[in-house]
Amino acid sequence: MRIFYVTVFFALVAAITLWASTTHVVQKNETLGGIAQRYGVSVSALQAYNGISNPNLLYVGKKLKIPSGTVREVSYVVRKGESLGIIAKRFGVSSSDLALINKISRPDLIRVGQKLTIPLSGSRRPAVPKLLDSTTLARLDSIRPSSGKWQRIIIHHSATPIDDAVNMHKVHLARGMKNGLAYHFVISNGSRKAKDGEIYIGSRWKGQLDGGHVKKQSWNQTSIGICLIGNFEIRPPTSKQLSALEGLCEYLMKRCNLQANEVTTHTLFHPKHTVCPGKHFSLTGLRRRLVD
């Protein structure tokens, strides 16, 4: 019986020591997967926490920091030859989540030495910034979309670096548009009174009226128009504009029963007529985020 208690005592001491450890020294024949399993953490978490780019290059004697259950994210420095997609895949998160968390508007333009925040949430989708604020959601919820009317979402840019929805409404009225503002929604870049990423809900959406943002009236009758302030032939939209656009598209897709491939751009829908919304707007990136 005494031997039994001694054995149990040493087993408990070993378990407590293992639980309390903050570092692990790699032994011969150990793998990152085996070490991760031993401490009850994910491989991606262990990899990110220690800045390991290649999990197959462990060496005997290397000291690994073991993340506790309270650690939710770590910093990672981009290395030569890495893309956001490669880094996301390596650490088991989606590239759209990484872009959103790190406020990256152009995922193709990350640079060597750039610091990224990597979430350590395992297979769970990490917490990301709120896309639509409660005030905007309440305003949207107060409007009931016409059943079966809307077949697609068409994205535009204003082609002007400085502008706002109120001014655009006046201009469109002056051009003879009975209902003024041609778009259903305008997303600000903060160049005037509206905040960067602020969504303006136009009277056309409030009244479920046809748009005036594309050439043919039959297209306007079935297409939701969203305009982002800015000239995206010159520079890309802001990260806040992209977050607001993603949130608005997700909301409208749900309310109007639309799919990600029914979110398009002016130039893609009418290629011989315009380059709107410009070469620096990525529809592919937006669609990828909408289906993640």
Protein backbone atom coordinates (compact mmCIF):
# COMPACT_ATOMS: atom_id res chain seq x y z
CA MET A 1 0.00 0.00 0.00
CA ARG A 2 2.87 2.38 0.83
CA ILE A 3 4.44 1.73 -2.58
CA PHE A 4 1.07 2.55 -4.19
CA TYR A 5 0.83 5.92 -2.38
CA VAL A 6 4.42 6.78 -3.26
CA THR A 7 3.76 5.93 -6.91
CA VAL A 8 0.60 8.07 -6.94
CA PHE A 9 2.46 10.91 -5.21
CA PHE A 10 5.21 10.98 -7.84
CA ALA A 11 2.64 10.70 -10.64
CA LEU A 12 0.81 13.73 -9.23
CA VAL A 13 4.06 15.66 -8.91
CA ALA A 14 4.88 14.84 -12.54
CA ALA A 15 1.41 15.91 -13.69
CA ILE A 16 1.58 19.17 -11.73
CA THR A 17 5.06 19.86 -13.07
CA LEU A 18 3.88 19.20 -16.64
CA TRP A 19 0.83 21.45 -16.18
CA ALA A 20 2.88 24.26 -14.65
CA SER A 21 5.63 24.18 -17.30
CA THR A 22 5.99 27.20 -19.56
CA THR A 23 8.80 25.77 -21.68
CA HIS A 24 9.61 22.40 -23.19
CA VAL A 25 13.05 21.24 -24.31
CA VAL A 26 12.80 19.13 -27.47
CA GLN A 27 14.06 15.56 -27.00
CA LYS A 28 15.26 13.05 -29.57
CA ASN A 29 12.52 11.74 -31.92
CA GLU A 30 9.95 14.27 -30.68
CA THR A 31 7.61 15.99 -33.18
CA LEU A 32 5.71 19.21 -32.88
CA GLY A 33 2.46 17.25 -33.12
CA GLY A 34 3.45 14.97 -30.28
CA ILE A 35 4.52 17.86 -28.08
CA ALA A 36 1.30 19.73 -28.82
CA GLN A 37 -0.76 16.66 -27.90
CA ARG A 38 1.19 16.23 -24.68
CA TYR A 39 0.35 19.74 -23.50
CA GLY A 40 -3.17 19.79 -24.85
CA VAL A 41 -2.65 22.62 -27.34
CA SER A 42 -3.03 22.76 -31.12
CA VAL A 43 -0.03 22.40 -33.41
CA SER A 44 -0.85 25.73 -35.06
CA ALA A 45 -0.93 27.45 -31.67
CA LEU A 46 2.42 25.98 -30.67
CA GLN A 47 3.86 26.88 -34.06
CA ALA A 48 2.61 30.46 -34.00
CA TYR A 49 3.55 31.00 -30.36
CA ASN A 50 7.16 30.04 -31.13
CA GLY A 51 7.41 31.61 -34.59
CA ILE A 52 8.11 28.27 -36.27
CA SER A 53 7.76 28.51 -40.06
CA ASN A 54 8.59 24.84 -40.74
CA PRO A 55 7.37 22.35 -38.08
CA ASN A 56 9.59 19.63 -39.59
CA LEU A 57 12.77 21.47 -38.65
CA LEU A 58 12.75 20.86 -34.90
CA TYR A 59 16.11 20.09 -33.34
CA VAL A 60 17.06 18.42 -30.09
CA GLY A 61 17.53 20.94 -27.29
CA LYS A 62 15.29 23.62 -28.81
CA LYS A 63 13.21 25.38 -26.14
CA LEU A 64 9.53 25.76 -26.93
CA LYS A 65 7.21 28.13 -25.10
CA ILE A 66 3.92 26.44 -24.25
CA PRO A 67 0.89 28.77 -24.54
CA SER A 68 -1.52 28.70 -21.63
CA GLY A 69 -5.28 28.60 -22.06
CA THR A 70 -5.44 32.37 -21.54
CA VAL A 71 -3.32 33.16 -24.62
CA ARG A 72 -5.59 33.99 -27.57
CA GLU A 73 -3.20 35.55 -30.08
CA VAL A 74 0.49 36.04 -30.85
CA SER A 75 2.60 38.25 -33.10
CA TYR A 76 4.26 36.91 -36.22
CA VAL A 77 6.81 38.64 -38.46
CA VAL A 78 6.41 38.11 -42.21
CA ARG A 79 9.41 36.45 -43.84
CA LYS A 80 10.75 36.53 -47.39
CA GLY A 81 8.63 34.57 -49.86
CA GLU A 82 5.56 34.44 -47.60
CA SER A 83 2.06 35.51 -48.64
CA LEU A 84 -0.96 36.08 -46.44
CA GLY A 85 -2.49 32.88 -47.82
CA ILE A 86 0.60 30.81 -46.98
CA ILE A 87 0.75 32.19 -43.43
CA ALA A 88 -2.99 31.65 -42.91
CA LYS A 89 -2.79 28.03 -44.10
CA ARG A 90 0.24 27.35 -41.93
CA PHE A 91 -1.52 28.48 -38.76
CA GLY A 92 -4.95 27.07 -39.51
CA VAL A 93 -6.90 30.32 -40.01
CA SER A 94 -8.54 31.87 -43.06
CA SER A 95 -6.71 34.57 -45.01
CA SER A 96 -9.80 36.79 -44.83
CA ASP A 97 -9.75 36.60 -41.01
CA LEU A 98 -6.05 37.52 -40.97
CA ALA A 99 -6.70 40.44 -43.31
CA LEU A 100 -9.60 41.67 -41.20
CA ILE A 101 -7.87 41.26 -37.83
CA ASN A 102 -4.75 43.02 -39.09
CA LYS A 103 -6.69 45.71 -41.04
CA ILE A 104 -5.08 44.73 -44.34
CA SER A 105 -6.95 46.17 -47.32
CA ARG A 106 -4.55 44.71 -49.91
CA PRO A 107 -3.67 41.11 -48.94
CA ASP A 108 -1.33 40.90 -51.95
CA LEU A 109 0.85 43.72 -50.61
CA ILE A 110 2.11 42.40 -47.27
CA ARG A 111 5.82 43.06 -46.80
CA VAL A 112 8.83 41.33 -45.25
CA GLY A 113 9.19 42.37 -41.60
CA GLN A 114 5.51 43.29 -41.23
CA LYS A 115 4.06 42.21 -37.87
CA LEU A 116 0.83 40.22 -37.98
CA THR A 117 -1.50 39.17 -35.18
CA ILE A 118 -2.20 35.42 -35.39
CA PRO A 119 -5.25 34.10 -33.49
CA LEU A 120 -4.74 30.91 -31.48
CA SER A 121 -8.31 29.69 -31.53
CA GLY A 122 -7.69 26.32 -33.11
CA SER A 123 -10.42 25.24 -35.48
CA ARG A 124 -12.82 27.88 -34.14
CA ARG A 125 -13.32 31.03 -36.24
CA PRO A 126 -11.47 33.80 -34.41
CA ALA A 127 -13.20 36.83 -33.06
CA VAL A 128 -13.01 39.61 -35.62
CA PRO A 129 -13.94 43.28 -35.50
CA LYS A 130 -17.67 43.95 -35.63
CA LEU A 131 -18.60 44.63 -39.25
CA LEU A 132 -21.86 46.55 -38.76
CA ASP A 133 -22.62 48.68 -35.72
CA SER A 134 -25.89 48.33 -33.84
CA THR A 135 -27.26 51.65 -35.14
CA THR A 136 -26.74 50.66 -38.77
CA LEU A 137 -28.22 47.22 -38.14
CA ALA A 138 -31.30 48.75 -36.51
CA ARG A 139 -31.81 51.07 -39.49
CA LEU A 140 -31.40 48.20 -41.93
CA ASP A 141 -33.76 45.98 -39.95
CA SER A 142 -36.46 48.65 -40.13
CA ILE A 143 -36.57 48.29 -43.94
CA ARG A 144 -38.24 45.27 -45.51
CA PRO A 145 -36.75 44.33 -48.91
CA SER A 146 -39.29 43.73 -51.70
CA SER A 147 -39.71 39.97 -52.06
CA GLY A 148 -38.03 38.57 -55.17
CA LYS A 149 -37.06 41.99 -56.56
CA TRP A 150 -33.32 42.03 -55.98
CA GLN A 151 -31.17 39.63 -58.01
CA ARG A 152 -27.67 40.98 -57.51
CA ILE A 153 -25.46 43.54 -55.75
CA ILE A 154 -23.37 45.85 -57.96
CA ILE A 155 -20.39 47.66 -56.43
CA HIS A 156 -19.17 51.06 -57.67
CA HIS A 157 -16.65 53.70 -56.71
CA SER A 158 -17.40 57.41 -56.84
CA ALA A 159 -14.21 58.01 -58.89
CA THR A 160 -13.71 61.10 -56.69
CA PRO A 161 -11.25 61.06 -53.76
CA ILE A 162 -13.40 63.49 -51.74
CA ASP A 163 -17.20 63.26 -51.68
CA ASP A 164 -20.24 62.29 -49.64
CA ALA A 165 -23.75 60.94 -50.19
CA VAL A 166 -25.50 64.27 -49.60
CA ASN A 167 -23.43 66.03 -52.26
CA MET A 168 -23.89 63.12 -54.67
CA HIS A 169 -27.67 63.33 -54.12
CA LYS A 170 -27.65 67.02 -55.10
CA VAL A 171 -25.55 66.32 -58.19
CA HIS A 172 -27.82 63.50 -59.34
CA LEU A 173 -30.91 65.66 -58.81
CA ALA A 174 -29.29 68.36 -60.94
CA ARG A 175 -28.72 65.79 -63.66
CA GLY A 176 -32.45 65.13 -63.83
CA MET A 177 -32.71 62.02 -61.67
CA LYS A 178 -36.16 62.22 -60.07
CA ASN A 179 -35.12 60.31 -56.95
CA GLY A 180 -31.67 61.87 -56.65
CA LEU A 181 -28.88 59.65 -55.36
CA ALA A 182 -28.49 56.84 -57.92
CA TYR A 183 -27.25 54.28 -55.39
CA HIS A 184 -29.04 52.45 -52.61
CA PHE A 185 -26.02 52.74 -50.29
CA VAL A 186 -22.88 54.87 -50.04
CA ILE A 187 -19.86 53.94 -47.91
CA SER A 188 -17.71 56.90 -46.84
CA ASN A 189 -13.91 57.09 -46.82
CA GLY A 190 -13.97 59.80 -44.15
CA SER A 191 -13.08 62.56 -46.59
CA ARG A 192 -16.00 64.74 -45.49
CA LYS A 193 -18.37 64.80 -42.51
CA ALA A 194 -19.19 61.07 -42.55
CA LYS A 195 -16.77 58.76 -40.75
CA ASP A 196 -14.50 56.34 -42.59
CA GLY A 197 -16.57 53.18 -43.20
CA GLU A 198 -19.89 54.85 -42.34
CA ILE A 199 -22.82 53.50 -44.37
CA TYR A 200 -25.38 55.93 -45.79
CA ILE A 201 -28.74 54.32 -46.51
CA GLY A 202 -30.32 56.10 -49.47
CA SER A 203 -33.99 56.84 -50.09
CA ARG A 204 -34.00 54.28 -52.92
CA TRP A 205 -33.38 51.48 -50.42
CA LYS A 206 -35.71 52.93 -47.82
CA GLY A 207 -38.51 53.06 -50.41
CA GLN A 208 -37.40 49.90 -52.25
CA LEU A 209 -37.11 51.95 -55.45
CA ASP A 210 -35.23 51.06 -58.61
CA GLY A 211 -31.62 52.18 -58.74
CA GLY A 212 -30.12 54.61 -61.22
CA HIS A 213 -26.56 53.33 -61.11
CA VAL A 214 -26.35 51.20 -64.29
CA LYS A 215 -27.18 51.88 -67.94
CA LYS A 216 -30.33 49.83 -68.55
CA GLN A 217 -33.50 50.41 -66.56
CA SER A 218 -34.16 46.66 -66.48
CA TRP A 219 -30.84 46.25 -64.66
CA ASN A 220 -31.67 49.03 -62.23
CA GLN A 221 -34.95 47.32 -61.38
CA THR A 222 -33.19 44.23 -60.06
CA SER A 223 -29.74 45.45 -58.88
CA ILE A 224 -28.77 46.88 -55.49
CA GLY A 225 -26.22 49.66 -55.98
CA ILE A 226 -23.44 50.22 -53.42
CA CYS A 227 -20.97 53.04 -54.00
CA LEU A 228 -17.71 53.45 -52.09
CA ILE A 229 -16.28 56.97 -51.98
CA GLY A 230 -12.85 57.11 -53.60
CA ASN A 231 -11.03 56.63 -56.87
CA PHE A 232 -9.82 53.03 -56.85
CA GLU A 233 -7.95 53.48 -60.12
CA ILE A 234 -5.50 55.50 -58.02
CA ARG A 235 -5.58 53.87 -54.58
CA PRO A 236 -7.52 51.04 -52.86
CA PRO A 237 -10.50 51.48 -50.55
CA THR A 238 -9.77 51.88 -46.84
CA SER A 239 -9.86 48.87 -44.53
CA LYS A 240 -12.91 50.31 -42.77
CA GLN A 241 -14.71 50.68 -46.10
CA LEU A 242 -13.95 47.04 -46.93
CA SER A 243 -15.18 45.85 -43.53
CA ALA A 244 -18.39 47.87 -43.90
CA LEU A 245 -18.87 46.59 -47.46
CA GLU A 246 -18.39 42.98 -46.35
CA GLY A 247 -20.86 43.40 -43.50
CA LEU A 248 -23.42 45.14 -45.70
CA CYS A 249 -23.13 42.51 -48.44
CA GLU A 250 -23.51 39.70 -45.90
CA TYR A 251 -26.61 41.40 -44.52
CA LEU A 252 -28.18 42.01 -47.92
CA MET A 253 -27.37 38.50 -49.12
CA LYS A 254 -29.20 37.05 -46.14
CA ARG A 255 -32.22 39.38 -46.43
CA CYS A 256 -32.54 39.05 -50.22
CA ASN A 257 -31.49 35.38 -50.56
CA LEU A 258 -28.42 36.10 -52.67
CA GLN A 259 -25.18 34.15 -53.13
CA ALA A 260 -21.59 35.44 -53.21
CA ASN A 261 -21.41 35.01 -57.00
CA GLU A 262 -24.33 37.44 -57.28
CA VAL A 263 -22.16 40.17 -55.78
CA THR A 264 -20.44 41.86 -58.73
CA THR A 265 -18.93 45.14 -59.93
CA HIS A 266 -20.02 47.72 -62.48
CA THR A 267 -17.21 46.87 -64.89
CA LEU A 268 -17.74 43.12 -64.62
CA PHE A 269 -21.47 43.51 -65.20
CA HIS A 270 -20.99 46.04 -68.02
CA PRO A 271 -17.33 45.63 -69.16
CA LYS A 272 -17.39 47.81 -72.31
CA HIS A 273 -18.94 50.75 -70.50
CA THR A 274 -16.68 51.46 -67.50
CA VAL A 275 -13.67 50.40 -65.38
CA CYS A 276 -15.63 51.13 -62.16
CA PRO A 277 -14.79 50.38 -59.34
CA GLY A 278 -11.17 50.54 -60.46
CA LYS A 279 -8.14 48.29 -60.67
CA HIS A 280 -7.39 48.51 -56.94
CA PHE A 281 -10.70 46.94 -55.90
CA SER A 282 -10.60 43.15 -55.52
CA LEU A 283 -13.94 41.46 -56.14
CA THR A 284 -12.26 38.06 -55.78
CA GLY A 285 -11.06 39.00 -52.30
CA LEU A 286 -14.51 40.21 -51.28
CA ARG A 287 -16.25 37.09 -52.57
CA ARG A 288 -13.73 34.90 -50.77
CA ARG A 289 -14.52 36.64 -47.48
CA LEU A 290 -18.26 36.32 -48.09
CA VAL A 291 -18.07 32.54 -48.40
CA ASP A 292 -15.60 31.89 -45.52
